[in-house]
Amino acid sequence: MKQSFLRKNYRLDVAKLRRAQKCLRTKTETETIHRALDLAADEAELAKALKELLDKGRGHIADASASQS
């Protein structure tokens, strides 16, 4: 994927930024924002995949690891 960078100015909640930085273990604010955006996009893709799985199973998903007698 080709990366393109654009300089932007935003007003950010510093407490949220610091909290994200601590959770993501990032060193810079820019790295924190990049990782947080990646995480949000990945989470959206995961939610979509899970919804598709549930739709295919029509909501009937059984625990395959449950012991059968």
N, C-alpha and C. Protein backbone atom coordinates (compact mmCIF):
# COMPACT_ATOMS: atom_id res chain seq x y z
N MET A 1 0.84 -1.18 0.00
CA MET A 1 0.00 0.00 0.00
C MET A 1 0.89 1.24 0.00
N LYS A 2 0.64 2.12 -0.93
CA LYS A 2 1.42 3.35 -1.02
C LYS A 2 1.02 4.28 0.12
N GLN A 3 2.03 4.78 0.79
CA GLN A 3 1.76 5.70 1.89
C GLN A 3 1.94 7.13 1.41
N SER A 4 0.99 7.94 1.77
CA SER A 4 1.12 9.37 1.49
C SER A 4 0.89 10.12 2.80
N PHE A 5 1.70 11.10 3.01
CA PHE A 5 1.62 11.86 4.24
C PHE A 5 1.23 13.30 3.92
N LEU A 6 0.43 13.84 4.80
CA LEU A 6 -0.05 15.20 4.65
C LEU A 6 0.04 15.86 6.01
N ARG A 7 0.55 17.05 6.05
CA ARG A 7 0.65 17.76 7.32
C ARG A 7 -0.72 18.32 7.67
N LYS A 8 -1.20 18.00 8.88
CA LYS A 8 -2.52 18.43 9.34
C LYS A 8 -2.38 19.05 10.73
N ASN A 9 -3.29 19.91 11.07
CA ASN A 9 -3.35 20.50 12.40
C ASN A 9 -4.70 20.15 13.02
N TYR A 10 -4.66 19.59 14.23
CA TYR A 10 -5.89 19.20 14.92
C TYR A 10 -5.83 19.67 16.37
N ARG A 11 -6.99 19.87 16.93
CA ARG A 11 -7.09 20.14 18.36
C ARG A 11 -7.41 18.80 19.01
N LEU A 12 -6.49 18.31 19.84
CA LEU A 12 -6.64 17.00 20.46
C LEU A 12 -6.71 17.12 21.97
N ASP A 13 -7.45 16.22 22.57
CA ASP A 13 -7.51 16.13 24.03
C ASP A 13 -6.19 15.50 24.48
N VAL A 14 -5.37 16.27 25.17
CA VAL A 14 -4.04 15.82 25.57
C VAL A 14 -4.12 14.61 26.49
N ALA A 15 -5.09 14.56 27.37
CA ALA A 15 -5.23 13.43 28.28
C ALA A 15 -5.51 12.14 27.50
N LYS A 16 -6.35 12.23 26.48
CA LYS A 16 -6.64 11.04 25.65
C LYS A 16 -5.40 10.62 24.87
N LEU A 17 -4.68 11.59 24.37
CA LEU A 17 -3.46 11.29 23.62
C LEU A 17 -2.44 10.60 24.52
N ARG A 18 -2.24 11.10 25.72
CA ARG A 18 -1.29 10.50 26.66
C ARG A 18 -1.73 9.10 27.06
N ARG A 19 -3.04 8.94 27.29
CA ARG A 19 -3.57 7.62 27.65
C ARG A 19 -3.33 6.62 26.52
N ALA A 20 -3.60 7.03 25.29
CA ALA A 20 -3.38 6.16 24.13
C ALA A 20 -1.89 5.85 23.99
N GLN A 21 -1.07 6.85 24.21
CA GLN A 21 0.38 6.67 24.10
C GLN A 21 0.86 5.63 25.11
N LYS A 22 0.32 5.67 26.30
CA LYS A 22 0.70 4.70 27.33
C LYS A 22 0.21 3.31 26.96
N CYS A 23 -1.03 3.20 26.51
CA CYS A 23 -1.60 1.89 26.15
C CYS A 23 -0.88 1.28 24.95
N LEU A 24 -0.55 2.10 23.98
CA LEU A 24 0.07 1.61 22.75
C LEU A 24 1.59 1.51 22.86
N ARG A 25 2.13 2.04 23.97
CA ARG A 25 3.57 2.03 24.21
C ARG A 25 4.35 2.68 23.06
N THR A 26 3.87 3.83 22.65
CA THR A 26 4.51 4.58 21.58
C THR A 26 5.33 5.72 22.18
N LYS A 27 6.29 6.18 21.40
CA LYS A 27 7.19 7.22 21.90
C LYS A 27 6.75 8.62 21.48
N THR A 28 6.21 8.74 20.28
CA THR A 28 5.85 10.07 19.79
C THR A 28 4.34 10.19 19.62
N GLU A 29 3.88 11.42 19.58
CA GLU A 29 2.46 11.67 19.37
C GLU A 29 2.03 11.21 17.98
N THR A 30 2.88 11.44 16.99
CA THR A 30 2.56 11.03 15.63
C THR A 30 2.43 9.51 15.55
N GLU A 31 3.36 8.80 16.15
CA GLU A 31 3.29 7.34 16.15
C GLU A 31 2.02 6.87 16.86
N THR A 32 1.66 7.54 17.92
CA THR A 32 0.45 7.19 18.67
C THR A 32 -0.78 7.35 17.79
N ILE A 33 -0.88 8.44 17.08
CA ILE A 33 -2.03 8.69 16.21
C ILE A 33 -2.08 7.66 15.08
N HIS A 34 -0.94 7.37 14.48
CA HIS A 34 -0.89 6.37 13.40
C HIS A 34 -1.34 5.01 13.91
N ARG A 35 -0.82 4.59 15.05
CA ARG A 35 -1.18 3.28 15.61
C ARG A 35 -2.65 3.23 16.00
N ALA A 36 -3.16 4.32 16.56
CA ALA A 36 -4.57 4.36 16.95
C ALA A 36 -5.48 4.28 15.73
N LEU A 37 -5.11 4.95 14.65
CA LEU A 37 -5.91 4.88 13.42
C LEU A 37 -5.87 3.48 12.83
N ASP A 38 -4.70 2.85 12.84
CA ASP A 38 -4.58 1.46 12.36
C ASP A 38 -5.45 0.53 13.20
N LEU A 39 -5.41 0.73 14.50
CA LEU A 39 -6.19 -0.10 15.42
C LEU A 39 -7.68 0.06 15.16
N ALA A 40 -8.13 1.28 14.95
CA ALA A 40 -9.55 1.54 14.68
C ALA A 40 -9.98 0.88 13.37
N ALA A 41 -9.14 0.98 12.33
CA ALA A 41 -9.46 0.37 11.04
C ALA A 41 -9.48 -1.15 11.16
N ASP A 42 -8.51 -1.72 11.87
CA ASP A 42 -8.46 -3.18 12.06
C ASP A 42 -9.68 -3.67 12.83
N GLU A 43 -10.08 -2.92 13.85
CA GLU A 43 -11.24 -3.30 14.65
C GLU A 43 -12.51 -3.28 13.81
N ALA A 44 -12.64 -2.30 12.93
CA ALA A 44 -13.81 -2.22 12.05
C ALA A 44 -13.85 -3.42 11.09
N GLU A 45 -12.69 -3.80 10.56
CA GLU A 45 -12.62 -4.96 9.67
C GLU A 45 -12.98 -6.24 10.41
N LEU A 46 -12.51 -6.37 11.64
CA LEU A 46 -12.82 -7.54 12.46
C LEU A 46 -14.31 -7.61 12.76
N ALA A 47 -14.91 -6.48 13.10
CA ALA A 47 -16.34 -6.45 13.38
C ALA A 47 -17.14 -6.86 12.15
N LYS A 48 -16.71 -6.42 10.98
CA LYS A 48 -17.38 -6.78 9.73
C LYS A 48 -17.26 -8.28 9.47
N ALA A 49 -16.06 -8.84 9.67
CA ALA A 49 -15.84 -10.27 9.47
C ALA A 49 -16.68 -11.10 10.44
N LEU A 50 -16.76 -10.67 11.69
CA LEU A 50 -17.57 -11.39 12.67
C LEU A 50 -19.04 -11.34 12.32
N LYS A 51 -19.51 -10.19 11.84
CA LYS A 51 -20.91 -10.07 11.44
C LYS A 51 -21.20 -11.01 10.28
N GLU A 52 -20.29 -11.08 9.30
CA GLU A 52 -20.47 -11.98 8.17
C GLU A 52 -20.50 -13.44 8.63
N LEU A 53 -19.65 -13.79 9.59
CA LEU A 53 -19.63 -15.14 10.14
C LEU A 53 -20.95 -15.46 10.82
N LEU A 54 -21.45 -14.54 11.61
CA LEU A 54 -22.72 -14.76 12.28
C LEU A 54 -23.88 -14.86 11.29
N ASP A 55 -23.84 -14.03 10.25
CA ASP A 55 -24.88 -14.09 9.24
C ASP A 55 -24.87 -15.42 8.50
N LYS A 56 -23.69 -15.94 8.21
CA LYS A 56 -23.58 -17.23 7.53
C LYS A 56 -24.08 -18.36 8.42
N GLY A 57 -23.81 -18.24 9.71
CA GLY A 57 -24.25 -19.27 10.66
C GLY A 57 -25.66 -19.04 11.16
N ARG A 58 -26.29 -17.99 10.65
CA ARG A 58 -27.65 -17.60 11.07
C ARG A 58 -27.78 -17.53 12.59
N GLY A 59 -26.70 -17.13 13.24
CA GLY A 59 -26.73 -16.96 14.69
C GLY A 59 -26.58 -18.24 15.46
N HIS A 60 -26.37 -19.37 14.77
CA HIS A 60 -26.24 -20.67 15.44
C HIS A 60 -24.78 -21.10 15.44
N ILE A 61 -24.05 -20.60 16.39
CA ILE A 61 -22.64 -20.97 16.50
C ILE A 61 -22.49 -21.77 17.77
N ALA A 62 -21.97 -22.99 17.63
CA ALA A 62 -21.80 -23.87 18.77
C ALA A 62 -20.34 -23.88 19.21
N ASP A 63 -20.12 -24.16 20.47
CA ASP A 63 -18.78 -24.25 21.00
C ASP A 63 -18.18 -25.58 20.58
N ALA A 64 -17.25 -25.56 19.65
CA ALA A 64 -16.64 -26.78 19.10
C ALA A 64 -15.74 -27.46 20.13
N SER A 65 -15.29 -26.72 21.11
CA SER A 65 -14.39 -27.30 22.11
C SER A 65 -15.12 -27.90 23.30
N ALA A 66 -16.45 -27.74 23.33
CA ALA A 66 -17.24 -28.29 24.44
C ALA A 66 -17.19 -29.81 24.40
N SER A 67 -17.01 -30.41 25.56
CA SER A 67 -16.94 -31.88 25.61
C SER A 67 -18.30 -32.47 25.28
N GLN A 68 -18.26 -33.50 24.47
CA GLN A 68 -19.51 -34.16 24.06
C GLN A 68 -19.58 -35.51 24.76
N SER A 69 -20.73 -35.81 25.33
CA SER A 69 -20.91 -37.07 26.04
C SER A 69 -21.52 -38.11 25.18
